[in-house]
């Protein structure tokens, strides 16, 4: 179920977790990385 696909700003639309925020966040936490939408937000804030 893509519960958030309309609001997902991640450019990786082919990802199986696109629009599934909880799954995406859990995946990246386990991998020790930052979700792409947060990377985009940090880049925008640093401008």
Protein backbone atom coordinates (compact mmCIF):
# COMPACT_ATOMS: atom_id res chain seq x y z
CA UNK A 1 0.00 0.00 0.00
CA UNK A 2 1.46 3.37 -1.04
CA UNK A 3 -0.01 5.46 1.74
CA UNK A 4 1.93 8.59 0.87
CA UNK A 5 2.74 8.28 -2.83
CA UNK A 6 1.12 11.64 -3.72
CA UNK A 7 3.33 13.51 -1.23
CA UNK A 8 6.56 11.55 -1.65
CA UNK A 9 9.28 13.83 -3.04
CA UNK A 10 11.89 11.11 -3.44
CA UNK A 11 13.14 11.04 -7.04
CA UNK A 12 13.53 7.25 -6.92
CA UNK A 13 9.98 6.50 -8.08
CA UNK A 14 10.87 2.93 -9.08
CA UNK A 15 11.86 2.06 -5.50
CA UNK A 16 9.63 -0.55 -3.88
CA UNK A 17 9.37 1.72 -0.81
CA UNK A 18 8.41 4.91 -2.72
CA UNK A 19 5.45 6.49 -0.94
CA UNK A 20 5.73 4.06 1.98
CA UNK A 21 7.33 6.35 4.55
CA UNK A 22 7.43 3.90 7.46
CA UNK A 23 9.04 1.18 5.34
CA UNK A 24 11.49 3.65 3.84
CA UNK A 25 12.53 5.12 7.19
CA UNK A 26 12.95 1.67 8.74
CA UNK A 27 15.03 0.48 5.79
CA UNK A 28 17.35 3.49 5.98
CA UNK A 29 17.67 3.32 9.77
CA UNK A 30 18.79 -0.30 9.52
CA UNK A 31 21.25 0.69 6.78
CA UNK A 32 22.53 3.64 8.83
CA UNK A 33 21.63 6.15 6.13
CA UNK A 34 19.35 9.14 5.77
CA UNK A 35 16.13 8.93 3.74
CA UNK A 36 16.29 10.87 0.49
CA UNK A 37 13.52 13.32 1.39
CA UNK A 38 15.50 14.38 4.47
CA UNK A 39 18.64 14.80 2.36
CA UNK A 40 16.69 17.09 0.02
CA UNK A 41 15.34 19.09 2.97
CA UNK A 42 18.82 19.51 4.49
CA UNK A 43 20.23 20.68 1.15
CA UNK A 44 17.44 23.26 0.79
CA UNK A 45 18.01 24.54 4.33
CA UNK A 46 21.74 24.96 3.79
CA UNK A 47 21.25 27.30 0.80
